[in-house]
C-alpha atoms as a PDB file:
ATOM      1  CA  MET A   1     -14.088 -12.736  -8.416  1.00  0.00           C
ATOM      2  CA  CYS A   2     -14.565 -10.328  -5.367  1.00  0.00           C
ATOM      3  CA  ASP A   3     -12.918  -6.703  -4.971  1.00  0.00           C
ATOM      4  CA  VAL A   4      -9.784  -7.268  -2.867  1.00  0.00           C
ATOM      5  CA  LYS A   5      -9.363  -3.712  -2.193  1.00  0.00           C
ATOM      6  CA  LYS A   6     -12.529  -2.719  -1.345  1.00  0.00           C
ATOM      7  CA  TYR A   7     -12.724  -5.393   1.327  1.00  0.00           C
ATOM      8  CA  GLU A   8      -9.332  -4.505   2.632  1.00  0.00           C
ATOM      9  CA  LYS A   9     -10.770  -0.899   2.848  1.00  0.00           C
ATOM     10  CA  ILE A  10     -13.662  -2.224   4.711  1.00  0.00           C
ATOM     11  CA  TYR A  11     -11.072  -4.051   7.236  1.00  0.00           C
ATOM     12  CA  GLN A  12      -9.335  -0.689   7.515  1.00  0.00           C
ATOM     13  CA  GLU A  13     -12.482   1.027   8.999  1.00  0.00           C
ATOM     14  CA  ILE A  14     -13.148  -2.070  11.530  1.00  0.00           C
ATOM     15  CA  LYS A  15      -9.897  -1.685  12.310  1.00  0.00           C
ATOM     16  CA  LYS A  16     -10.370   1.856  13.602  1.00  0.00           C
ATOM     17  CA  LEU A  17     -13.667   0.803  16.231  1.00  0.00           C
ATOM     18  CA  THR A  18     -13.309   0.679  19.528  1.00  0.00           C
ATOM     19  CA  PRO A  19     -15.114  -2.187  21.138  1.00  0.00           C
ATOM     20  CA  GLU A  20     -17.705   0.424  22.953  1.00  0.00           C
ATOM     21  CA  ASP A  21     -18.274   1.513  19.561  1.00  0.00           C
ATOM     22  CA  ALA A  22     -18.569  -2.391  17.962  1.00  0.00           C
ATOM     23  CA  ASN A  23     -20.702  -2.603  21.399  1.00  0.00           C
ATOM     24  CA  GLN A  24     -22.982  -0.312  20.362  1.00  0.00           C
ATOM     25  CA  ILE A  25     -23.961  -1.131  17.336  1.00  0.00           C
ATOM     26  CA  GLU A  26     -24.329  -4.565  17.755  1.00  0.00           C
ATOM     27  CA  MET A  27     -27.182  -3.530  20.405  1.00  0.00           C
ATOM     28  CA  GLU A  28     -28.724  -1.055  18.481  1.00  0.00           C
ATOM     29  CA  SER A  29     -28.854  -3.184  15.490  1.00  0.00           C
ATOM     30  CA  SER A  30     -32.647  -4.955  14.376  1.00  0.00           C
ATOM     31  CA  ASP A  31     -30.645  -7.589  12.816  1.00  0.00           C
ATOM     32  CA  LYS A  32     -29.382 -10.729  14.255  1.00  0.00           C
ATOM     33  CA  ASP A  33     -26.486 -11.432  12.365  1.00  0.00           C
ATOM     34  CA  VAL A  34     -25.187  -7.445  12.185  1.00  0.00           C
ATOM     35  CA  LYS A  35     -24.860  -8.301  15.917  1.00  0.00           C
ATOM     36  CA  ASN A  36     -23.656 -11.780  15.581  1.00  0.00           C
ATOM     37  CA  PHE A  37     -20.863 -10.001  13.872  1.00  0.00           C
ATOM     38  CA  TYR A  38     -19.828  -7.014  15.664  1.00  0.00           C
ATOM     39  CA  ALA A  39     -20.081  -9.305  18.516  1.00  0.00           C
ATOM     40  CA  MET A  40     -17.602 -11.169  17.197  1.00  0.00           C
ATOM     41  CA  ILE A  41     -15.719  -7.854  15.898  1.00  0.00           C
ATOM     42  CA  GLU A  42     -15.714  -6.291  19.412  1.00  0.00           C
ATOM     43  CA  SER A  43     -14.153 -10.109  20.761  1.00  0.00           C
ATOM     44  CA  LEU A  44     -11.464  -9.463  18.625  1.00  0.00           C
ATOM     45  CA  ILE A  45     -10.487  -6.728  19.018  1.00  0.00           C
ATOM     46  CA  LEU A  46     -10.393  -7.009  22.744  1.00  0.00           C
ATOM     47  CA  GLN A  47      -7.959 -10.551  22.303  1.00  0.00           C
ATOM     48  CA  LYS A  48      -5.841  -8.084  20.416  1.00  0.00           C
ATOM     49  CA  ARG A  49      -5.911  -5.262  23.260  1.00  0.00           C
ATOM     50  CA  GLN A  50      -5.345  -8.221  25.420  1.00  0.00           C
ATOM     51  CA  ARG A  51      -2.228  -9.712  23.468  1.00  0.00           C
ATOM     52  CA  GLU A  52      -0.665  -5.873  23.681  1.00  0.00           C
ATOM     53  CA  VAL A  53      -1.085  -5.523  27.047  1.00  0.00           C
ATOM     54  CA  VAL A  54       0.858  -9.158  27.774  1.00  0.00           C
ATOM     55  CA  GLN A  55       3.309  -8.196  25.483  1.00  0.00           C
ATOM     56  CA  ASN A  56       4.262  -5.037  26.600  1.00  0.00           C
ATOM     57  CA  GLU A  57       3.781  -6.344  30.320  1.00  0.00           C
ATOM     58  CA  SER A  58       1.769  -3.504  31.253  1.00  0.00           C
ATOM     59  CA  TYR A  59      -0.395  -5.367  33.470  1.00  0.00           C
END
């Protein structure tokens, strides 16, 4: 069984990343899997921001 609390803490830290942070990690990593992971994180962050902009009609 995995340590759910541990992964919730990791999630909370990842949520603090900006798209620029995720992109920097992606670009500077030498591991392909890490690059792909942070590319997905960057995309999720941007999607969340887009939803917020649309919901707030601040476009």
